[in-house]
PDB file of N, CA and C in Angstrom:
ATOM      1  N   GLN A   1     -43.118  -1.134  30.343  1.00  0.00           N
ATOM      2  CA  GLN A   1     -42.299  -0.041  29.830  1.00  0.00           C
ATOM      3  C   GLN A   1     -42.882   0.429  28.503  1.00  0.00           C
ATOM      4  N   VAL A   2     -43.176   1.730  28.443  1.00  0.00           N
ATOM      5  CA  VAL A   2     -43.752   2.294  27.231  1.00  0.00           C
ATOM      6  C   VAL A   2     -42.655   2.532  26.201  1.00  0.00           C
ATOM      7  N   GLN A   3     -42.935   2.149  24.978  1.00  0.00           N
ATOM      8  CA  GLN A   3     -42.021   2.443  23.863  1.00  0.00           C
ATOM      9  C   GLN A   3     -42.818   2.859  22.641  1.00  0.00           C
ATOM     10  N   LEU A   4     -42.312   3.852  21.936  1.00  0.00           N
ATOM     11  CA  LEU A   4     -42.813   4.240  20.627  1.00  0.00           C
ATOM     12  C   LEU A   4     -41.613   4.238  19.693  1.00  0.00           C
ATOM     13  N   VAL A   5     -41.669   3.422  18.659  1.00  0.00           N
ATOM     14  CA  VAL A   5     -40.538   3.286  17.749  1.00  0.00           C
ATOM     15  C   VAL A   5     -40.965   3.716  16.354  1.00  0.00           C
ATOM     16  N   GLU A   6     -40.375   4.833  15.906  1.00  0.00           N
ATOM     17  CA  GLU A   6     -40.685   5.358  14.575  1.00  0.00           C
ATOM     18  C   GLU A   6     -39.746   4.765  13.536  1.00  0.00           C
ATOM     19  N   SER A   7     -40.226   4.653  12.322  1.00  0.00           N
ATOM     20  CA  SER A   7     -39.405   4.213  11.199  1.00  0.00           C
ATOM     21  C   SER A   7     -39.990   4.778   9.917  1.00  0.00           C
ATOM     22  N   GLY A   8     -39.207   4.645   8.838  1.00  0.00           N
ATOM     23  CA  GLY A   8     -39.690   5.060   7.537  1.00  0.00           C
ATOM     24  C   GLY A   8     -39.144   6.377   7.026  1.00  0.00           C
ATOM     25  N   GLY A   9     -38.388   7.076   7.850  1.00  0.00           N
ATOM     26  CA  GLY A   9     -37.800   8.326   7.399  1.00  0.00           C
ATOM     27  C   GLY A   9     -36.682   8.074   6.398  1.00  0.00           C
ATOM     28  N   GLY A  10     -36.197   9.153   5.809  1.00  0.00           N
ATOM     29  CA  GLY A  10     -35.116   9.037   4.847  1.00  0.00           C
ATOM     30  C   GLY A  10     -35.000  10.263   3.986  1.00  0.00           C
ATOM     31  N   LEU A  11     -34.251  10.105   2.908  1.00  0.00           N
ATOM     32  CA  LEU A  11     -34.022  11.187   1.949  1.00  0.00           C
ATOM     33  C   LEU A  11     -34.891  10.935   0.719  1.00  0.00           C
ATOM     34  N   VAL A  12     -35.614  11.968   0.306  1.00  0.00           N
ATOM     35  CA  VAL A  12     -36.503  11.847  -0.847  1.00  0.00           C
ATOM     36  C   VAL A  12     -36.465  13.158  -1.630  1.00  0.00           C
ATOM     37  N   GLN A  13     -36.682  13.069  -2.918  1.00  0.00           N
ATOM     38  CA  GLN A  13     -36.738  14.278  -3.734  1.00  0.00           C
ATOM     39  C   GLN A  13     -38.084  14.970  -3.575  1.00  0.00           C
ATOM     40  N   ALA A  14     -38.078  16.261  -3.791  1.00  0.00           N
ATOM     41  CA  ALA A  14     -39.325  17.021  -3.758  1.00  0.00           C
ATOM     42  C   ALA A  14     -40.332  16.411  -4.734  1.00  0.00           C
ATOM     43  N   GLY A  15     -41.575  16.307  -4.264  1.00  0.00           N
ATOM     44  CA  GLY A  15     -42.617  15.673  -5.054  1.00  0.00           C
ATOM     45  C   GLY A  15     -42.794  14.200  -4.765  1.00  0.00           C
ATOM     46  N   GLY A  16     -41.858  13.631  -4.025  1.00  0.00           N
ATOM     47  CA  GLY A  16     -41.915  12.218  -3.709  1.00  0.00           C
ATOM     48  C   GLY A  16     -42.775  11.920  -2.499  1.00  0.00           C
ATOM     49  N   SER A  17     -42.748  10.653  -2.082  1.00  0.00           N
ATOM     50  CA  SER A  17     -43.584  10.180  -0.980  1.00  0.00           C
ATOM     51  C   SER A  17     -42.764   9.362   0.005  1.00  0.00           C
ATOM     52  N   LEU A  18     -43.199   9.390   1.242  1.00  0.00           N
ATOM     53  CA  LEU A  18     -42.674   8.524   2.289  1.00  0.00           C
ATOM     54  C   LEU A  18     -43.828   8.097   3.178  1.00  0.00           C
ATOM     55  N   ARG A  19     -43.672   6.944   3.801  1.00  0.00           N
ATOM     56  CA  ARG A  19     -44.650   6.483   4.784  1.00  0.00           C
ATOM     57  C   ARG A  19     -43.935   6.223   6.100  1.00  0.00           C
ATOM     58  N   LEU A  20     -44.294   6.961   7.113  1.00  0.00           N
ATOM     59  CA  LEU A  20     -43.743   6.769   8.446  1.00  0.00           C
ATOM     60  C   LEU A  20     -44.625   5.802   9.235  1.00  0.00           C
ATOM     61  N   SER A  21     -43.977   5.013  10.079  1.00  0.00           N
ATOM     62  CA  SER A  21     -44.684   4.104  10.973  1.00  0.00           C
ATOM     63  C   SER A  21     -44.221   4.348  12.392  1.00  0.00           C
ATOM     64  N   CYS A  22     -45.108   4.107  13.329  1.00  0.00           N
ATOM     65  CA  CYS A  22     -44.780   4.210  14.757  1.00  0.00           C
ATOM     66  C   CYS A  22     -45.447   3.037  15.455  1.00  0.00           C
ATOM     67  N   VAL A  23     -44.620   2.144  15.982  1.00  0.00           N
ATOM     68  CA  VAL A  23     -45.129   0.972  16.682  1.00  0.00           C
ATOM     69  C   VAL A  23     -45.071   1.218  18.177  1.00  0.00           C
ATOM     70  N   ALA A  24     -46.180   0.994  18.841  1.00  0.00           N
ATOM     71  CA  ALA A  24     -46.285   1.236  20.273  1.00  0.00           C
ATOM     72  C   ALA A  24     -46.278  -0.069  21.049  1.00  0.00           C
ATOM     73  N   SER A  25     -45.682  -0.022  22.225  1.00  0.00           N
ATOM     74  CA  SER A  25     -45.738  -1.146  23.157  1.00  0.00           C
ATOM     75  C   SER A  25     -45.812  -0.597  24.567  1.00  0.00           C
ATOM     76  N   GLY A  26     -46.350  -1.422  25.474  1.00  0.00           N
ATOM     77  CA  GLY A  26     -46.443  -1.006  26.871  1.00  0.00           C
ATOM     78  C   GLY A  26     -47.624  -0.117  27.175  1.00  0.00           C
ATOM     79  N   ILE A  27     -48.515   0.094  26.197  1.00  0.00           N
ATOM     80  CA  ILE A  27     -49.726   0.870  26.421  1.00  0.00           C
ATOM     81  C   ILE A  27     -50.922   0.112  25.840  1.00  0.00           C
ATOM     82  N   ILE A  28     -52.110   0.483  26.316  1.00  0.00           N
ATOM     83  CA  ILE A  28     -53.327  -0.047  25.694  1.00  0.00           C
ATOM     84  C   ILE A  28     -53.609   0.854  24.503  1.00  0.00           C
ATOM     85  N   PHE A  29     -53.131   0.436  23.348  1.00  0.00           N
ATOM     86  CA  PHE A  29     -53.018   1.316  22.184  1.00  0.00           C
ATOM     87  C   PHE A  29     -54.363   1.914  21.782  1.00  0.00           C
ATOM     88  N   ASP A  30     -55.415   1.095  21.781  1.00  0.00           N
ATOM     89  CA  ASP A  30     -56.668   1.592  21.227  1.00  0.00           C
ATOM     90  C   ASP A  30     -57.407   2.543  22.161  1.00  0.00           C
ATOM     91  N   THR A  31     -56.823   2.829  23.318  1.00  0.00           N
ATOM     92  CA  THR A  31     -57.399   3.830  24.205  1.00  0.00           C
ATOM     93  C   THR A  31     -56.689   5.176  24.088  1.00  0.00           C
ATOM     94  N   LYS A  32     -55.639   5.222  23.286  1.00  0.00           N
ATOM     95  CA  LYS A  32     -54.802   6.420  23.190  1.00  0.00           C
ATOM     96  C   LYS A  32     -55.017   7.133  21.859  1.00  0.00           C
ATOM     97  N   ALA A  33     -55.045   8.465  21.926  1.00  0.00           N
ATOM     98  CA  ALA A  33     -54.895   9.253  20.719  1.00  0.00           C
ATOM     99  C   ALA A  33     -53.422   9.208  20.312  1.00  0.00           C
ATOM    100  N   MET A  34     -53.164   9.345  19.031  1.00  0.00           N
ATOM    101  CA  MET A  34     -51.795   9.316  18.516  1.00  0.00           C
ATOM    102  C   MET A  34     -51.562  10.539  17.646  1.00  0.00           C
ATOM    103  N   GLY A  35     -50.340  10.991  17.638  1.00  0.00           N
ATOM    104  CA  GLY A  35     -50.045  12.153  16.822  1.00  0.00           C
ATOM    105  C   GLY A  35     -48.665  12.083  16.213  1.00  0.00           C
ATOM    106  N   TRP A  36     -48.517  12.820  15.123  1.00  0.00           N
ATOM    107  CA  TRP A  36     -47.219  13.053  14.504  1.00  0.00           C
ATOM    108  C   TRP A  36     -46.907  14.541  14.623  1.00  0.00           C
ATOM    109  N   TYR A  37     -45.689  14.818  15.038  1.00  0.00           N
ATOM    110  CA  TYR A  37     -45.196  16.182  15.161  1.00  0.00           C
ATOM    111  C   TYR A  37     -43.850  16.260  14.435  1.00  0.00           C
ATOM    112  N   ARG A  38     -43.408  17.456  14.133  1.00  0.00           N
ATOM    113  CA  ARG A  38     -42.108  17.584  13.494  1.00  0.00           C
ATOM    114  C   ARG A  38     -41.369  18.811  14.010  1.00  0.00           C
ATOM    115  N   GLN A  39     -40.041  18.704  13.946  1.00  0.00           N
ATOM    116  CA  GLN A  39     -39.186  19.788  14.423  1.00  0.00           C
ATOM    117  C   GLN A  39     -38.045  19.969  13.443  1.00  0.00           C
ATOM    118  N   ALA A  40     -38.022  21.129  12.817  1.00  0.00           N
ATOM    119  CA  ALA A  40     -36.931  21.485  11.923  1.00  0.00           C
ATOM    120  C   ALA A  40     -35.819  22.146  12.743  1.00  0.00           C
ATOM    121  N   PRO A  41     -34.590  22.145  12.239  1.00  0.00           N
ATOM    122  CA  PRO A  41     -33.477  22.739  12.991  1.00  0.00           C
ATOM    123  C   PRO A  41     -33.756  24.194  13.361  1.00  0.00           C
ATOM    124  N   GLY A  42     -33.570  24.510  14.633  1.00  0.00           N
ATOM    125  CA  GLY A  42     -33.757  25.868  15.111  1.00  0.00           C
ATOM    126  C   GLY A  42     -35.196  26.305  15.276  1.00  0.00           C
ATOM    127  N   LYS A  43     -36.125  25.370  15.103  1.00  0.00           N
ATOM    128  CA  LYS A  43     -37.538  25.721  15.209  1.00  0.00           C
ATOM    129  C   LYS A  43     -38.210  24.902  16.296  1.00  0.00           C
ATOM    130  N   GLN A  44     -39.416  25.300  16.682  1.00  0.00           N
ATOM    131  CA  GLN A  44     -40.158  24.567  17.691  1.00  0.00           C
ATOM    132  C   GLN A  44     -40.775  23.310  17.079  1.00  0.00           C
ATOM    133  N   ARG A  45     -41.170  22.413  17.962  1.00  0.00           N
ATOM    134  CA  ARG A  45     -41.847  21.210  17.514  1.00  0.00           C
ATOM    135  C   ARG A  45     -43.314  21.545  17.228  1.00  0.00           C
ATOM    136  N   ASP A  46     -43.774  21.197  16.052  1.00  0.00           N
ATOM    137  CA  ASP A  46     -45.119  21.556  15.614  1.00  0.00           C
ATOM    138  C   ASP A  46     -45.968  20.329  15.325  1.00  0.00           C
ATOM    139  N   LEU A  47     -47.257  20.504  15.510  1.00  0.00           N
ATOM    140  CA  LEU A  47     -48.221  19.464  15.171  1.00  0.00           C
ATOM    141  C   LEU A  47     -48.250  19.234  13.665  1.00  0.00           C
ATOM    142  N   VAL A  48     -48.280  17.958  13.261  1.00  0.00           N
ATOM    143  CA  VAL A  48     -48.507  17.600  11.863  1.00  0.00           C
ATOM    144  C   VAL A  48     -49.917  17.038  11.717  1.00  0.00           C
ATOM    145  N   ALA A  49     -50.225  16.016  12.515  1.00  0.00           N
ATOM    146  CA  ALA A  49     -51.535  15.375  12.429  1.00  0.00           C
ATOM    147  C   ALA A  49     -51.787  14.569  13.688  1.00  0.00           C
ATOM    148  N   THR A  50     -53.053  14.434  14.039  1.00  0.00           N
ATOM    149  CA  THR A  50     -53.439  13.571  15.142  1.00  0.00           C
ATOM    150  C   THR A  50     -54.598  12.685  14.723  1.00  0.00           C
ATOM    151  N   ILE A  51     -54.726  11.586  15.429  1.00  0.00           N
ATOM    152  CA  ILE A  51     -55.859  10.680  15.216  1.00  0.00           C
ATOM    153  C   ILE A  51     -56.331  10.206  16.585  1.00  0.00           C
ATOM    154  N   SER A  52     -57.614  10.324  16.822  1.00  0.00           N
ATOM    155  CA  SER A  52     -58.165   9.944  18.118  1.00  0.00           C
ATOM    156  C   SER A  52     -58.291   8.431  18.219  1.00  0.00           C
ATOM    157  N   SER A  53     -58.625   7.967  19.404  1.00  0.00           N
ATOM    158  CA  SER A  53     -58.835   6.536  19.586  1.00  0.00           C
ATOM    159  C   SER A  53     -59.995   6.036  18.720  1.00  0.00           C
ATOM    160  N   GLY A  54     -60.912   6.929  18.410  1.00  0.00           N
ATOM    161  CA  GLY A  54     -62.052   6.561  17.571  1.00  0.00           C
ATOM    162  C   GLY A  54     -61.830   6.762  16.095  1.00  0.00           C
ATOM    163  N   GLY A  55     -60.656   7.309  15.733  1.00  0.00           N
ATOM    164  CA  GLY A  55     -60.322   7.468  14.323  1.00  0.00           C
ATOM    165  C   GLY A  55     -60.526   8.850  13.745  1.00  0.00           C
ATOM    166  N   SER A  56     -60.945   9.818  14.550  1.00  0.00           N
ATOM    167  CA  SER A  56     -61.086  11.183  14.052  1.00  0.00           C
ATOM    168  C   SER A  56     -59.704  11.788  13.832  1.00  0.00           C
ATOM    169  N   THR A  57     -59.556  12.526  12.743  1.00  0.00           N
ATOM    170  CA  THR A  57     -58.244  13.064  12.381  1.00  0.00           C
ATOM    171  C   THR A  57     -58.235  14.593  12.370  1.00  0.00           C
ATOM    172  N   ASN A  58     -57.034  15.114  12.529  1.00  0.00           N
ATOM    173  CA  ASN A  58     -56.823  16.558  12.519  1.00  0.00           C
ATOM    174  C   ASN A  58     -55.461  16.817  11.886  1.00  0.00           C
ATOM    175  N   TYR A  59     -55.374  17.861  11.044  1.00  0.00           N
ATOM    176  CA  TYR A  59     -54.138  18.122  10.314  1.00  0.00           C
ATOM    177  C   TYR A  59     -53.737  19.588  10.421  1.00  0.00           C
ATOM    178  N   ALA A  60     -52.444  19.807  10.396  1.00  0.00           N
ATOM    179  CA  ALA A  60     -51.952  21.165  10.239  1.00  0.00           C
ATOM    180  C   ALA A  60     -52.306  21.644   8.830  1.00  0.00           C
ATOM    181  N   ASP A  61     -52.585  22.928   8.700  1.00  0.00           N
ATOM    182  CA  ASP A  61     -52.961  23.469   7.394  1.00  0.00           C
ATOM    183  C   ASP A  61     -51.891  23.204   6.347  1.00  0.00           C
ATOM    184  N   SER A  62     -50.644  23.214   6.764  1.00  0.00           N
ATOM    185  CA  SER A  62     -49.537  23.076   5.812  1.00  0.00           C
ATOM    186  C   SER A  62     -49.454  21.694   5.164  1.00  0.00           C
ATOM    187  N   VAL A  63     -50.124  20.708   5.747  1.00  0.00           N
ATOM    188  CA  VAL A  63     -50.038  19.339   5.202  1.00  0.00           C
ATOM    189  C   VAL A  63     -51.374  18.812   4.712  1.00  0.00           C
ATOM    190  N   LYS A  64     -52.444  19.576   4.903  1.00  0.00           N
ATOM    191  CA  LYS A  64     -53.764  19.108   4.465  1.00  0.00           C
ATOM    192  C   LYS A  64     -53.762  18.817   2.975  1.00  0.00           C
ATOM    193  N   GLY A  65     -54.324  17.666   2.610  1.00  0.00           N
ATOM    194  CA  GLY A  65     -54.380  17.270   1.205  1.00  0.00           C
ATOM    195  C   GLY A  65     -53.139  16.542   0.733  1.00  0.00           C
ATOM    196  N   ARG A  66     -52.076  16.565   1.531  1.00  0.00           N
ATOM    197  CA  ARG A  66     -50.835  15.877   1.142  1.00  0.00           C
ATOM    198  C   ARG A  66     -50.496  14.716   2.061  1.00  0.00           C
ATOM    199  N   PHE A  67     -50.785  14.869   3.359  1.00  0.00           N
ATOM    200  CA  PHE A  67     -50.454  13.847   4.355  1.00  0.00           C
ATOM    201  C   PHE A  67     -51.732  13.180   4.846  1.00  0.00           C
ATOM    202  N   THR A  68     -51.610  11.894   5.198  1.00  0.00           N
ATOM    203  CA  THR A  68     -52.732  11.151   5.764  1.00  0.00           C
ATOM    204  C   THR A  68     -52.251  10.349   6.962  1.00  0.00           C
ATOM    205  N   ILE A  69     -52.916  10.552   8.093  1.00  0.00           N
ATOM    206  CA  ILE A  69     -52.625   9.777   9.285  1.00  0.00           C
ATOM    207  C   ILE A  69     -53.640   8.646   9.389  1.00  0.00           C
ATOM    208  N   SER A  70     -53.170   7.486   9.826  1.00  0.00           N
ATOM    209  CA  SER A  70     -54.067   6.341  10.003  1.00  0.00           C
ATOM    210  C   SER A  70     -53.513   5.472  11.123  1.00  0.00           C
ATOM    211  N   ARG A  71     -54.337   4.575  11.597  1.00  0.00           N
ATOM    212  CA  ARG A  71     -53.892   3.677  12.662  1.00  0.00           C
ATOM    213  C   ARG A  71     -54.425   2.281  12.427  1.00  0.00           C
ATOM    214  N   ASP A  72     -53.646   1.291  12.881  1.00  0.00           N
ATOM    215  CA  ASP A  72     -54.037  -0.110  12.847  1.00  0.00           C
ATOM    216  C   ASP A  72     -53.941  -0.609  14.281  1.00  0.00           C
ATOM    217  N   ASN A  73     -55.072  -0.675  14.959  1.00  0.00           N
ATOM    218  CA  ASN A  73     -55.062  -1.056  16.369  1.00  0.00           C
ATOM    219  C   ASN A  73     -54.612  -2.501  16.569  1.00  0.00           C
ATOM    220  N   ALA A  74     -54.839  -3.355  15.593  1.00  0.00           N
ATOM    221  CA  ALA A  74     -54.405  -4.749  15.707  1.00  0.00           C
ATOM    222  C   ALA A  74     -52.887  -4.861  15.705  1.00  0.00           C
ATOM    223  N   LYS A  75     -52.215  -3.863  15.102  1.00  0.00           N
ATOM    224  CA  LYS A  75     -50.749  -3.878  15.024  1.00  0.00           C
ATOM    225  C   LYS A  75     -50.113  -2.846  15.954  1.00  0.00           C
ATOM    226  N   ASN A  76     -50.926  -2.162  16.758  1.00  0.00           N
ATOM    227  CA  ASN A  76     -50.412  -1.116  17.650  1.00  0.00           C
ATOM    228  C   ASN A  76     -49.557  -0.099  16.889  1.00  0.00           C
ATOM    229  N   THR A  77     -50.015   0.265  15.715  1.00  0.00           N
ATOM    230  CA  THR A  77     -49.211   1.088  14.829  1.00  0.00           C
ATOM    231  C   THR A  77     -50.012   2.273  14.299  1.00  0.00           C
ATOM    232  N   VAL A  78     -49.349   3.413  14.241  1.00  0.00           N
ATOM    233  CA  VAL A  78     -49.898   4.596  13.590  1.00  0.00           C
ATOM    234  C   VAL A  78     -48.989   4.937  12.413  1.00  0.00           C
ATOM    235  N   TYR A  79     -49.610   5.383  11.332  1.00  0.00           N
ATOM    236  CA  TYR A  79     -48.880   5.676  10.104  1.00  0.00           C
ATOM    237  C   TYR A  79     -49.048   7.152   9.729  1.00  0.00           C
ATOM    238  N   LEU A  80     -48.078   7.633   8.963  1.00  0.00           N
ATOM    239  CA  LEU A  80     -48.216   8.935   8.330  1.00  0.00           C
ATOM    240  C   LEU A  80     -47.773   8.785   6.881  1.00  0.00           C
ATOM    241  N   GLN A  81     -48.743   8.809   5.983  1.00  0.00           N
ATOM    242  CA  GLN A  81     -48.446   8.768   4.551  1.00  0.00           C
ATOM    243  C   GLN A  81     -48.215  10.202   4.093  1.00  0.00           C
ATOM    244  N   MET A  82     -47.054  10.451   3.529  1.00  0.00           N
ATOM    245  CA  MET A  82     -46.674  11.803   3.115  1.00  0.00           C
ATOM    246  C   MET A  82     -46.451  11.816   1.606  1.00  0.00           C
ATOM    247  N   ASN A  83     -47.269  12.557   0.912  1.00  0.00           N
ATOM    248  CA  ASN A  83     -47.176  12.680  -0.540  1.00  0.00           C
ATOM    249  C   ASN A  83     -46.841  14.115  -0.917  1.00  0.00           C
ATOM    250  N   SER A  84     -46.410  14.290  -2.151  1.00  0.00           N
ATOM    251  CA  SER A  84     -46.083  15.630  -2.674  1.00  0.00           C
ATOM    252  C   SER A  84     -45.175  16.387  -1.709  1.00  0.00           C
ATOM    253  N   LEU A  85     -44.137  15.724  -1.275  1.00  0.00           N
ATOM    254  CA  LEU A  85     -43.249  16.309  -0.267  1.00  0.00           C
ATOM    255  C   LEU A  85     -42.528  17.535  -0.804  1.00  0.00           C
ATOM    256  N   LYS A  86     -42.318  18.489   0.102  1.00  0.00           N
ATOM    257  CA  LYS A  86     -41.654  19.742  -0.216  1.00  0.00           C
ATOM    258  C   LYS A  86     -40.407  19.885   0.646  1.00  0.00           C
ATOM    259  N   ALA A  87     -39.496  20.733   0.217  1.00  0.00           N
ATOM    260  CA  ALA A  87     -38.280  20.951   0.993  1.00  0.00           C
ATOM    261  C   ALA A  87     -38.605  21.403   2.412  1.00  0.00           C
ATOM    262  N   GLU A  88     -39.659  22.187   2.562  1.00  0.00           N
ATOM    263  CA  GLU A  88     -40.026  22.682   3.897  1.00  0.00           C
ATOM    264  C   GLU A  88     -40.613  21.610   4.809  1.00  0.00           C
ATOM    265  N   ASP A  89     -40.823  20.395   4.292  1.00  0.00           N
ATOM    266  CA  ASP A  89     -41.240  19.283   5.137  1.00  0.00           C
ATOM    267  C   ASP A  89     -40.051  18.630   5.832  1.00  0.00           C
ATOM    268  N   THR A  90     -38.846  19.039   5.499  1.00  0.00           N
ATOM    269  CA  THR A  90     -37.650  18.492   6.122  1.00  0.00           C
ATOM    270  C   THR A  90     -37.654  18.767   7.623  1.00  0.00           C
ATOM    271  N   ALA A  91     -37.533  17.695   8.407  1.00  0.00           N
ATOM    272  CA  ALA A  91     -37.582  17.812   9.868  1.00  0.00           C
ATOM    273  C   ALA A  91     -37.372  16.434  10.487  1.00  0.00           C
ATOM    274  N   VAL A  92     -37.221  16.432  11.797  1.00  0.00           N
ATOM    275  CA  VAL A  92     -37.335  15.188  12.544  1.00  0.00           C
ATOM    276  C   VAL A  92     -38.808  15.019  12.900  1.00  0.00           C
ATOM    277  N   TYR A  93     -39.343  13.861  12.576  1.00  0.00           N
ATOM    278  CA  TYR A  93     -40.752  13.569  12.827  1.00  0.00           C
ATOM    279  C   TYR A  93     -40.872  12.685  14.072  1.00  0.00           C
ATOM    280  N   TYR A  94     -41.723  13.117  14.992  1.00  0.00           N
ATOM    281  CA  TYR A  94     -41.923  12.425  16.256  1.00  0.00           C
ATOM    282  C   TYR A  94     -43.350  11.900  16.364  1.00  0.00           C
ATOM    283  N   CYS A  95     -43.455  10.726  16.933  1.00  0.00           N
ATOM    284  CA  CYS A  95     -44.739  10.120  17.238  1.00  0.00           C
ATOM    285  C   CYS A  95     -45.062  10.392  18.705  1.00  0.00           C
ATOM    286  N   LYS A  96     -46.331  10.622  19.007  1.00  0.00           N
ATOM    287  CA  LYS A  96     -46.743  10.823  20.389  1.00  0.00           C
ATOM    288  C   LYS A  96     -48.007  10.044  20.670  1.00  0.00           C
ATOM    289  N   ALA A  97     -48.040   9.439  21.841  1.00  0.00           N
ATOM    290  CA  ALA A  97     -49.250   8.801  22.359  1.00  0.00           C
ATOM    291  C   ALA A  97     -49.761   9.653  23.508  1.00  0.00           C
ATOM    292  N   PHE A  98     -51.059   9.921  23.549  1.00  0.00           N
ATOM    293  CA  PHE A  98     -51.553  10.785  24.606  1.00  0.00           C
ATOM    294  C   PHE A  98     -53.002  10.474  24.949  1.00  0.00           C
ATOM    295  N   SER A  99     -53.330  10.803  26.195  1.00  0.00           N
ATOM    296  CA  SER A  99     -54.690  10.731  26.706  1.00  0.00           C
ATOM    297  C   SER A  99     -54.702  11.597  27.958  1.00  0.00           C
ATOM    298  N   ALA A 100     -55.818  11.656  28.648  1.00  0.00           N
ATOM    299  CA  ALA A 100     -55.889  12.473  29.851  1.00  0.00           C
ATOM    300  C   ALA A 100     -54.840  11.996  30.857  1.00  0.00           C
ATOM    301  N   GLY A 101     -53.928  12.876  31.226  1.00  0.00           N
ATOM    302  CA  GLY A 101     -52.910  12.555  32.207  1.00  0.00           C
ATOM    303  C   GLY A 101     -51.766  11.708  31.689  1.00  0.00           C
ATOM    304  N   PHE A 102     -51.686  11.516  30.367  1.00  0.00           N
ATOM    305  CA  PHE A 102     -50.632  10.681  29.784  1.00  0.00           C
ATOM    306  C   PHE A 102     -50.123  11.328  28.514  1.00  0.00           C
ATOM    307  N   ASN A 103     -48.797  11.304  28.378  1.00  0.00           N
ATOM    308  CA  ASN A 103     -48.155  11.943  27.237  1.00  0.00           C
ATOM    309  C   ASN A 103     -46.799  11.276  27.052  1.00  0.00           C
ATOM    310  N   PHE A 104     -46.565  10.640  25.895  1.00  0.00           N
ATOM    311  CA  PHE A 104     -45.298   9.937  25.700  1.00  0.00           C
ATOM    312  C   PHE A 104     -44.831  10.110  24.267  1.00  0.00           C
ATOM    313  N   TRP A 105     -43.513  10.425  24.126  1.00  0.00           N
ATOM    314  CA  TRP A 105     -42.929  10.682  22.812  1.00  0.00           C
ATOM    315  C   TRP A 105     -41.997   9.562  22.366  1.00  0.00           C
ATOM    316  N   GLY A 106     -41.956   9.370  21.061  1.00  0.00           N
ATOM    317  CA  GLY A 106     -40.934   8.525  20.480  1.00  0.00           C
ATOM    318  C   GLY A 106     -39.639   9.296  20.294  1.00  0.00           C
ATOM    319  N   GLN A 107     -38.632   8.614  19.746  1.00  0.00           N
ATOM    320  CA  GLN A 107     -37.305   9.215  19.596  1.00  0.00           C
ATOM    321  C   GLN A 107     -37.162  10.017  18.308  1.00  0.00           C
ATOM    322  N   GLY A 108     -38.044   9.818  17.369  1.00  0.00           N
ATOM    323  CA  GLY A 108     -38.015  10.595  16.137  1.00  0.00           C
ATOM    324  C   GLY A 108     -37.341   9.880  14.980  1.00  0.00           C
ATOM    325  N   THR A 109     -37.723  10.300  13.777  1.00  0.00           N
ATOM    326  CA  THR A 109     -37.112   9.792  12.555  1.00  0.00           C
ATOM    327  C   THR A 109     -36.908  10.970  11.603  1.00  0.00           C
ATOM    328  N   GLN A 110     -35.742  11.018  10.985  1.00  0.00           N
ATOM    329  CA  GLN A 110     -35.390  12.157  10.142  1.00  0.00           C
ATOM    330  C   GLN A 110     -36.011  12.010   8.753  1.00  0.00           C
ATOM    331  N   VAL A 111     -36.627  13.075   8.300  1.00  0.00           N
ATOM    332  CA  VAL A 111     -37.122  13.168   6.918  1.00  0.00           C
ATOM    333  C   VAL A 111     -36.414  14.340   6.256  1.00  0.00           C
ATOM    334  N   THR A 112     -35.761  14.072   5.144  1.00  0.00           N
ATOM    335  CA  THR A 112     -35.067  15.118   4.400  1.00  0.00           C
ATOM    336  C   THR A 112     -35.580  15.125   2.968  1.00  0.00           C
ATOM    337  N   VAL A 113     -36.066  16.289   2.537  1.00  0.00           N
ATOM    338  CA  VAL A 113     -36.608  16.440   1.188  1.00  0.00           C
ATOM    339  C   VAL A 113     -35.673  17.354   0.415  1.00  0.00           C
ATOM    340  N   SER A 114     -35.110  16.828  -0.647  1.00  0.00           N
ATOM    341  CA  SER A 114     -34.188  17.619  -1.465  1.00  0.00           C
ATOM    342  C   SER A 114     -34.954  18.306  -2.593  1.00  0.00           C
ATOM    343  N   SER A 115     -34.587  19.559  -2.840  1.00  0.00           N
ATOM    344  CA  SER A 115     -35.304  20.326  -3.871  1.00  0.00           C
ATOM    345  C   SER A 115     -34.542  20.319  -5.186  1.00  0.00           C
TER     346      SER A 115
END
């Protein structure tokens, strides 16, 4: 049974930092690309960052220079370090595991940035 469990969300003031974690089980983690996406109320779910099985990263323009995605294959975990947070970063953040013919989402964790 595949599971992705996100944690680390919460309430933070603008300019602050949070670190999100996503622990995977039921998959061969180091063969999967991983991604973080976010969805604000009334908006579509958007890409934040992805990291390939080989460690290559990709970021949305809105978070470049502020967010860092990383993975620890020994812990089956992907992280999202978020610095210099802004009110517009407020959203539910979702973790995704994906590869050819495979796509699985976590349940999400709420991030709220107060201005």
